[in-house]
């Protein structure tokens, strides 16, 4: 394979090059590394070939591990043709100044981290450990989580983009597990002369809205719970139709869960952790053969019976209820999800370069700064410090100290 890649590189070097538009040089040239994400059965890639080309045209260097894009059906040749350096060694990728990943840093990758490196990747809270954080802290890493970065109007662009995909895909997944293949042969939705299936959605945010649209489109009866009246009102308005909505009242919720065929967990995390509002007793009272899709599992999950699963073994039964708790469920639609990630990551990297690098950008952009949970080895998220019994340092104080 290495000989094949070398041959492709030679062929590309001999091809006539189209003249690139003069986009101008950035304030700081970045060295970006993209390792191949295989842990957690990850198939997405954070930068598509078009995005890599736009970064290279700005004077940045991008090094990628061979096969990094194959899960999203992008070939090494696609990246070589736009000027990326494709290498076989993960160690060579981790020599880059900035590492960008579609999945969390795996424990096996900790040894590859360089001192003062910047990590730009999601967090998987249920799998995070004290030893993991300490290892990154010892190397004085600056780490930013996709899901904590804020955009304009106090929004979370990564969460919103992935949430839209996850909400749609959650309904498709539920339909699969209701069918004969896994369940009792039910069609998610309704037919003439027979009552529609009942879908309960916990959370009226982006995931909940996307799931509601998909379920309503299939003919299901949708009920949405949230602890925020404004979100429920906005959801009604955005859907353009009246549906059943309710605050998170435990008695009412228990009753509706007992009648549901599908329950989607889509609550937003509070201080980094999803509130667990469905007790084991409530799950035990659900219909046998009903389906739980816990989209919030990456931050702890909404159900007392939830535990992290993966794409190889995505489901398990508890109290006769099918549970699907895969954190990176959007990886099953990897090409779409990769474009969504890339559309957000690319402008951030460009803005970072124009600002003069990570230190300047983290000081000047409050939304980007909000994504940092480690800054030069200091743990800056209080909820993580409490969870793992580690020292917390206020990021604003660190920046004012100018060290």
Protein backbone atom coordinates (compact mmCIF):
# COMPACT_ATOMS: atom_id res chain seq x y z
CA UNK A 1 0.00 0.00 0.00
CA UNK A 2 2.86 2.37 0.80
CA UNK A 3 4.34 1.80 -2.67
CA UNK A 4 0.95 2.55 -4.22
CA UNK A 5 0.69 5.79 -2.31
CA UNK A 6 4.20 6.82 -3.35
CA UNK A 7 3.31 6.13 -6.98
CA UNK A 8 0.17 8.26 -6.69
CA UNK A 9 2.24 11.10 -5.19
CA UNK A 10 4.68 10.94 -8.13
CA UNK A 11 1.84 10.94 -10.67
CA UNK A 12 0.19 13.93 -9.01
CA UNK A 13 3.49 15.81 -8.95
CA UNK A 14 3.74 15.42 -12.74
CA UNK A 15 0.21 16.59 -13.44
CA UNK A 16 -0.26 20.17 -14.68
CA UNK A 17 -1.51 22.33 -11.83
CA UNK A 18 -4.40 24.74 -12.19
CA UNK A 19 -3.54 28.23 -11.12
CA UNK A 20 -4.98 28.86 -7.69
CA UNK A 21 -6.75 32.03 -6.78
CA UNK A 22 -4.60 34.38 -4.74
CA UNK A 23 -6.40 34.29 -1.42
CA UNK A 24 -3.60 35.87 0.51
CA UNK A 25 -1.50 34.57 3.37
CA UNK A 26 -2.87 34.28 6.89
CA UNK A 27 -1.45 36.00 9.92
CA UNK A 28 0.06 32.73 11.10
CA UNK A 29 0.72 29.55 9.15
CA UNK A 30 -0.82 26.53 10.90
CA UNK A 31 0.47 22.96 10.91
CA UNK A 32 -2.64 20.75 11.12
CA UNK A 33 -2.64 16.98 11.67
CA UNK A 34 -5.57 14.65 10.99
CA UNK A 35 -5.10 11.11 12.33
CA UNK A 36 -7.22 8.20 11.17
CA UNK A 37 -10.14 7.82 13.58
CA UNK A 38 -10.94 4.15 14.07
CA UNK A 39 -11.73 4.06 17.78
CA UNK A 40 -15.40 4.09 18.77
CA UNK A 41 -16.07 2.85 15.19
CA UNK A 42 -15.67 6.42 13.94
CA UNK A 43 -16.17 6.98 10.20
CA UNK A 44 -16.35 10.76 10.00
CA UNK A 45 -13.45 13.03 9.13
CA UNK A 46 -13.28 16.65 10.33
CA UNK A 47 -11.97 18.15 7.07
CA UNK A 48 -13.12 17.25 3.55
CA UNK A 49 -10.78 17.55 0.55
CA UNK A 50 -12.34 20.89 -0.45
CA UNK A 51 -11.72 22.31 3.00
CA UNK A 52 -8.14 21.03 3.06
CA UNK A 53 -7.56 22.68 -0.31
CA UNK A 54 -8.86 26.03 0.97
CA UNK A 55 -6.55 25.82 4.01
CA UNK A 56 -3.51 24.92 1.92
CA UNK A 57 -4.31 27.81 -0.44
CA UNK A 58 -4.04 30.07 2.61
CA UNK A 59 -0.53 28.86 3.28
CA UNK A 60 -1.24 26.22 5.91
CA UNK A 61 0.22 22.72 6.05
CA UNK A 62 -2.03 19.67 6.47
CA UNK A 63 -0.69 16.19 7.21
CA UNK A 64 -3.03 13.21 7.24
CA UNK A 65 -2.74 9.57 8.15
CA UNK A 66 -3.32 7.25 5.19
CA UNK A 67 -6.92 6.05 5.08
CA UNK A 68 -8.18 8.84 7.33
CA UNK A 69 -11.01 9.71 4.96
CA UNK A 70 -12.01 6.25 3.78
CA UNK A 71 -14.82 5.90 6.32
CA UNK A 72 -16.51 8.92 4.70
CA UNK A 73 -15.62 7.62 1.21
CA UNK A 74 -12.81 10.11 0.57
CA UNK A 75 -9.69 8.49 -0.90
CA UNK A 76 -6.08 9.41 -0.04
CA UNK A 77 -5.73 10.54 -3.66
CA UNK A 78 -8.48 13.14 -3.09
CA UNK A 79 -6.33 14.76 -0.40
CA UNK A 80 -3.03 14.37 -2.24
CA UNK A 81 -4.47 16.17 -5.26
CA UNK A 82 -5.26 19.26 -3.17
CA UNK A 83 -1.80 19.38 -1.59
CA UNK A 84 -2.11 17.47 1.69
CA UNK A 85 0.78 15.34 2.91
CA UNK A 86 -0.45 11.77 3.42
CA UNK A 87 1.68 9.61 5.73
CA UNK A 88 1.44 6.06 7.10
CA UNK A 89 2.67 6.78 10.61
CA UNK A 90 0.28 8.11 13.25
CA UNK A 91 3.38 9.33 15.09
CA UNK A 92 4.20 11.62 12.14
CA UNK A 93 0.68 13.07 12.22
CA UNK A 94 1.01 13.82 15.93
CA UNK A 95 4.05 16.02 15.23
CA UNK A 96 1.61 18.67 13.99
CA UNK A 97 0.93 21.80 16.00
CA UNK A 98 -2.85 21.29 15.94
CA UNK A 99 -4.56 17.88 15.96
CA UNK A 100 -8.12 17.82 14.64
CA UNK A 101 -10.23 14.71 15.25
CA UNK A 102 -13.84 13.69 14.65
CA UNK A 103 -13.78 11.42 17.71
CA UNK A 104 -12.37 11.92 21.23
CA UNK A 105 -8.70 11.36 21.95
CA UNK A 106 -8.38 7.65 22.65
CA UNK A 107 -6.29 6.46 25.63
CA UNK A 108 -3.91 4.72 23.20
CA UNK A 109 -3.17 8.11 21.57
CA UNK A 110 -2.14 9.84 24.80
CA UNK A 111 1.46 8.68 24.46
CA UNK A 112 1.65 10.43 21.06
CA UNK A 113 0.69 13.86 22.37
CA UNK A 114 3.39 16.50 22.14
CA UNK A 115 4.13 19.15 24.75
CA UNK A 116 2.07 22.33 24.25
CA UNK A 117 -0.01 20.69 21.50
CA UNK A 118 -3.52 21.85 20.61
CA UNK A 119 -6.28 19.23 20.44
CA UNK A 120 -9.52 20.05 18.67
CA UNK A 121 -11.96 17.14 19.18
CA UNK A 122 -15.16 16.08 20.97
CA UNK A 123 -15.36 14.76 24.52
CA UNK A 124 -17.02 11.46 25.45
CA UNK A 125 -17.83 12.14 29.10
CA UNK A 126 -18.83 8.58 30.15
CA UNK A 127 -15.47 7.24 28.93
CA UNK A 128 -13.31 10.10 30.25
CA UNK A 129 -11.09 9.22 33.23
CA UNK A 130 -8.92 11.02 35.74
CA UNK A 131 -5.82 9.35 34.33
CA UNK A 132 -6.76 10.51 30.82
CA UNK A 133 -7.09 14.14 31.89
CA UNK A 134 -3.94 14.04 33.99
CA UNK A 135 -1.94 12.70 31.04
CA UNK A 136 -3.05 15.64 28.88
CA UNK A 137 -2.41 18.08 31.71
CA UNK A 138 1.13 16.81 32.23
CA UNK A 139 1.94 17.56 28.60
CA UNK A 140 0.48 21.06 28.99
CA UNK A 141 -2.00 20.44 26.18
CA UNK A 142 -4.61 23.00 25.16
CA UNK A 143 -7.80 21.08 24.39
CA UNK A 144 -11.06 22.34 22.94
CA UNK A 145 -14.25 20.30 22.74
CA UNK A 146 -16.43 20.72 19.64
CA UNK A 147 -19.60 20.60 21.70
CA UNK A 148 -18.56 23.42 24.08
CA UNK A 149 -17.66 25.98 21.39
CA UNK A 150 -20.17 28.80 21.05
CA UNK A 151 -21.13 30.65 17.88
CA UNK A 152 -23.15 33.79 17.27
CA UNK A 153 -26.24 34.52 19.38
CA UNK A 154 -25.05 32.14 22.11
CA UNK A 155 -25.55 29.08 19.89
CA UNK A 156 -23.47 25.90 19.74
CA UNK A 157 -22.74 25.34 16.02
CA UNK A 158 -21.23 21.86 16.34
CA UNK A 159 -24.02 20.64 18.57
CA UNK A 160 -26.69 22.15 16.35
CA UNK A 161 -25.26 20.69 13.15
CA UNK A 162 -24.73 17.19 14.56
CA UNK A 163 -28.05 17.43 16.41
CA UNK A 164 -29.97 18.00 13.20
CA UNK A 165 -28.42 14.87 11.72
CA UNK A 166 -28.81 12.87 14.95
CA UNK A 167 -32.48 13.78 15.35
CA UNK A 168 -33.33 12.59 11.85
CA UNK A 169 -31.21 9.48 12.17
CA UNK A 170 -32.67 8.62 15.60
CA UNK A 171 -36.12 8.23 14.05
CA UNK A 172 -34.78 6.09 11.21
CA UNK A 173 -32.96 3.94 13.79
CA UNK A 174 -36.08 3.58 15.90
CA UNK A 175 -38.02 2.46 12.82
CA UNK A 176 -35.42 -0.26 12.23
CA UNK A 177 -35.67 -1.63 15.77
CA UNK A 178 -39.47 -1.67 15.72
CA UNK A 179 -39.47 -3.80 12.56
CA UNK A 180 -39.45 -7.61 12.32
CA UNK A 181 -35.65 -7.64 12.19
CA UNK A 182 -35.42 -6.73 15.90
CA UNK A 183 -38.85 -5.92 17.25
CA UNK A 184 -42.53 -6.76 16.94
CA UNK A 185 -42.96 -5.84 13.29
CA UNK A 186 -44.34 -2.35 13.72
CA UNK A 187 -44.19 0.42 11.14
CA UNK A 188 -43.10 3.70 12.69
CA UNK A 189 -45.91 6.00 11.72
CA UNK A 190 -49.50 5.26 10.93
CA UNK A 191 -51.69 3.70 8.29
CA UNK A 192 -55.33 4.24 7.45
CA UNK A 193 -57.56 2.40 9.89
CA UNK A 194 -54.91 1.78 12.55
CA UNK A 195 -53.66 4.17 15.28
CA UNK A 196 -50.21 5.70 14.73
CA UNK A 197 -47.21 4.80 16.84
CA UNK A 198 -46.46 7.09 19.77
CA UNK A 199 -43.09 8.84 19.92
CA UNK A 200 -42.03 10.64 23.09
CA UNK A 201 -39.16 13.11 22.73
CA UNK A 202 -37.30 14.38 25.79
CA UNK A 203 -35.92 17.79 24.88
CA UNK A 204 -37.16 20.56 22.58
CA UNK A 205 -33.74 21.61 21.28
CA UNK A 206 -32.19 20.94 17.88
CA UNK A 207 -32.20 17.14 18.25
CA UNK A 208 -35.78 17.17 19.47
CA UNK A 209 -36.97 19.41 16.66
CA UNK A 210 -35.28 17.31 13.97
CA UNK A 211 -36.64 14.10 15.50
CA UNK A 212 -40.13 15.58 15.75
CA UNK A 213 -40.10 16.64 12.09
CA UNK A 214 -38.94 13.20 10.97
CA UNK A 215 -41.47 11.35 13.13
CA UNK A 216 -44.36 13.60 12.08
CA UNK A 217 -43.35 13.14 8.46
CA UNK A 218 -43.76 9.39 8.89
CA UNK A 219 -47.17 9.81 10.48
CA UNK A 220 -46.31 9.16 14.13
CA UNK A 221 -48.02 10.83 17.07
CA UNK A 222 -45.37 13.01 18.73
CA UNK A 223 -45.18 14.19 22.33
CA UNK A 224 -42.37 16.49 23.47
CA UNK A 225 -41.20 17.16 27.04
CA UNK A 226 -38.83 19.91 28.15
CA UNK A 227 -38.19 21.96 31.28
CA UNK A 228 -38.10 25.20 29.30
CA UNK A 229 -41.43 26.70 28.20
CA UNK A 230 -39.73 29.05 25.72
CA UNK A 231 -38.15 26.10 23.89
CA UNK A 232 -41.50 24.31 23.74
CA UNK A 233 -43.19 27.44 22.35
CA UNK A 234 -40.44 27.91 19.78
CA UNK A 235 -40.72 24.25 18.75
CA UNK A 236 -44.46 24.59 18.17
CA UNK A 237 -43.85 27.69 16.10
CA UNK A 238 -41.01 26.19 14.05
CA UNK A 239 -42.95 23.01 13.31
CA UNK A 240 -45.90 25.08 12.13
CA UNK A 241 -48.41 22.79 13.80
CA UNK A 242 -49.79 21.96 17.22
CA UNK A 243 -48.36 18.90 18.93
CA UNK A 244 -48.54 17.63 22.51
CA UNK A 245 -45.97 19.39 24.69
CA UNK A 246 -45.38 19.29 28.42
CA UNK A 247 -42.98 20.39 31.11
CA UNK A 248 -40.95 17.62 32.76
CA UNK A 249 -43.53 16.52 35.31
CA UNK A 250 -42.57 13.06 36.59
CA UNK A 251 -46.13 11.78 36.96
CA UNK A 252 -47.22 12.86 33.50
CA UNK A 253 -43.93 11.68 31.98
CA UNK A 254 -44.30 8.23 33.57
CA UNK A 255 -47.80 7.89 32.13
CA UNK A 256 -46.77 8.90 28.60
CA UNK A 257 -43.69 6.63 28.68
CA UNK A 258 -45.88 3.66 29.57
CA UNK A 259 -47.86 4.20 26.36
CA UNK A 260 -44.92 5.05 24.06
CA UNK A 261 -43.47 2.88 21.31
CA UNK A 262 -40.36 5.06 20.90
CA UNK A 263 -38.60 7.40 23.33
CA UNK A 264 -35.85 9.74 22.12
CA UNK A 265 -33.50 11.15 24.77
CA UNK A 266 -32.43 14.57 23.53
CA UNK A 267 -31.97 16.74 26.62
CA UNK A 268 -29.26 19.38 26.67
CA UNK A 269 -26.42 18.93 29.15
CA UNK A 270 -26.40 21.11 32.26
CA UNK A 271 -22.86 22.04 33.33
CA UNK A 272 -21.54 19.41 30.95
CA UNK A 273 -23.78 16.55 32.12
CA UNK A 274 -27.20 15.46 30.85
CA UNK A 275 -29.85 15.32 33.58
CA UNK A 276 -31.03 11.74 34.13
CA UNK A 277 -34.81 12.19 34.35
CA UNK A 278 -36.11 8.70 33.48
CA UNK A 279 -35.79 6.28 36.39
CA UNK A 280 -35.37 2.54 36.06
CA UNK A 281 -38.90 2.16 37.41
CA UNK A 282 -40.22 4.28 34.53
CA UNK A 283 -38.33 2.16 31.99
CA UNK A 284 -39.68 -1.02 33.59
CA UNK A 285 -43.19 0.37 33.09
CA UNK A 286 -42.74 0.84 29.33
CA UNK A 287 -44.23 -1.48 26.69
CA UNK A 288 -42.28 -4.63 25.94
CA UNK A 289 -40.58 -4.22 22.56
CA UNK A 290 -40.55 -0.42 22.76
CA UNK A 291 -37.37 1.42 21.78
CA UNK A 292 -35.18 3.96 23.59
CA UNK A 293 -32.71 6.02 21.54
CA UNK A 294 -30.50 7.97 23.96
CA UNK A 295 -28.92 10.67 21.79
CA UNK A 296 -27.62 12.36 24.97
CA UNK A 297 -25.48 9.38 26.01
CA UNK A 298 -22.20 11.17 25.24
CA UNK A 299 -22.91 13.41 28.25
CA UNK A 300 -24.29 10.76 30.57
CA UNK A 301 -27.71 10.00 29.08
CA UNK A 302 -31.32 10.74 30.06
CA UNK A 303 -32.20 7.24 31.29
CA UNK A 304 -31.08 5.43 34.44
CA UNK A 305 -30.77 2.27 32.33
CA UNK A 306 -28.52 3.80 29.64
CA UNK A 307 -24.95 2.62 29.08
CA UNK A 308 -22.59 3.45 26.23
CA UNK A 309 -22.74 1.08 23.24
CA UNK A 310 -21.02 1.20 19.85
CA UNK A 311 -21.75 0.51 16.19
CA UNK A 312 -20.57 -3.10 16.41
CA UNK A 313 -22.88 -3.90 19.32
CA UNK A 314 -25.36 -0.99 19.37
CA UNK A 315 -28.32 -2.39 21.30
CA UNK A 316 -29.26 -4.24 24.46
CA UNK A 317 -32.53 -5.03 26.23
CA UNK A 318 -33.42 -3.94 29.74
CA UNK A 319 -36.89 -4.66 31.19
CA UNK A 320 -37.96 -5.78 27.71
CA UNK A 321 -37.10 -2.36 26.22
CA UNK A 322 -34.58 -2.03 23.40
CA UNK A 323 -31.84 0.51 24.19
CA UNK A 324 -29.68 2.18 21.52
CA UNK A 325 -26.95 4.30 23.17
CA UNK A 326 -24.26 4.93 20.54
CA UNK A 327 -22.50 8.28 21.23
CA UNK A 328 -21.36 8.98 17.66
CA UNK A 329 -24.50 7.81 15.90
CA UNK A 330 -23.98 10.43 13.16
CA UNK A 331 -20.94 8.40 12.11
CA UNK A 332 -23.40 6.03 10.41
CA UNK A 333 -24.06 8.79 7.88
CA UNK A 334 -20.39 9.67 7.73
CA UNK A 335 -20.20 11.61 4.48
CA UNK A 336 -23.03 13.99 5.36
CA UNK A 337 -21.69 14.38 8.89
CA UNK A 338 -18.15 15.01 7.61
CA UNK A 339 -19.33 17.85 5.40
CA UNK A 340 -21.24 19.30 8.36
CA UNK A 341 -18.15 19.13 10.61
CA UNK A 342 -15.85 20.51 7.94
CA UNK A 343 -18.11 23.49 7.26
CA UNK A 344 -17.65 24.57 10.90
CA UNK A 345 -14.04 23.53 11.57
CA UNK A 346 -12.58 25.21 8.47
CA UNK A 347 -13.65 28.82 9.22
CA UNK A 348 -12.49 28.42 12.83
CA UNK A 349 -9.01 27.35 11.71
CA UNK A 350 -8.85 30.22 9.22
CA UNK A 351 -9.95 32.74 11.84
CA UNK A 352 -7.44 31.32 14.28
CA UNK A 353 -4.64 31.83 11.77
CA UNK A 354 -5.72 35.37 10.93
CA UNK A 355 -5.81 36.20 14.65
CA UNK A 356 -2.18 35.11 14.96
CA UNK A 357 -2.61 31.59 16.36
CA UNK A 358 -4.40 29.72 19.12
CA UNK A 359 -3.33 32.02 21.97
CA UNK A 360 -4.50 35.19 20.25
CA UNK A 361 -7.75 33.64 19.07
CA UNK A 362 -8.65 32.16 22.44
CA UNK A 363 -8.19 35.61 23.98
CA UNK A 364 -10.15 37.52 21.36
CA UNK A 365 -13.06 35.14 20.72
CA UNK A 366 -15.27 34.38 23.73
CA UNK A 367 -17.24 31.67 21.91
CA UNK A 368 -14.10 29.79 20.94
CA UNK A 369 -12.70 30.30 24.43
CA UNK A 370 -15.80 28.66 25.87
CA UNK A 371 -14.78 25.43 24.11
CA UNK A 372 -11.51 25.11 26.06
CA UNK A 373 -11.46 22.58 28.88
CA UNK A 374 -7.65 22.51 29.11
CA UNK A 375 -5.39 25.50 28.59
CA UNK A 376 -1.65 24.81 28.59
CA UNK A 377 -2.28 21.91 30.94
CA UNK A 378 -4.64 23.70 33.35
CA UNK A 379 -8.15 22.27 33.74
CA UNK A 380 -10.56 25.12 33.06
CA UNK A 381 -14.02 23.51 33.33
CA UNK A 382 -15.27 23.45 36.90
CA UNK A 383 -17.70 20.56 36.36
CA UNK A 384 -14.84 18.35 35.11
CA UNK A 385 -12.70 19.31 38.10
CA UNK A 386 -15.51 18.32 40.47
CA UNK A 387 -16.26 15.09 38.63
CA UNK A 388 -12.65 13.90 38.67
CA UNK A 389 -11.53 15.59 41.89
CA UNK A 390 -8.90 17.70 40.13
CA UNK A 391 -7.82 21.30 40.55
CA UNK A 392 -9.84 23.85 38.58
CA UNK A 393 -8.32 27.08 37.29
CA UNK A 394 -10.43 29.91 35.90
CA UNK A 395 -9.50 30.46 32.25
CA UNK A 396 -10.07 34.19 32.42
CA UNK A 397 -7.51 34.42 35.24
CA UNK A 398 -5.04 32.32 33.25
CA UNK A 399 -5.37 34.63 30.26
CA UNK A 400 -5.03 37.76 32.37
CA UNK A 401 -1.84 36.32 33.88
CA UNK A 402 -0.42 36.28 30.32
CA UNK A 403 1.83 33.26 30.82
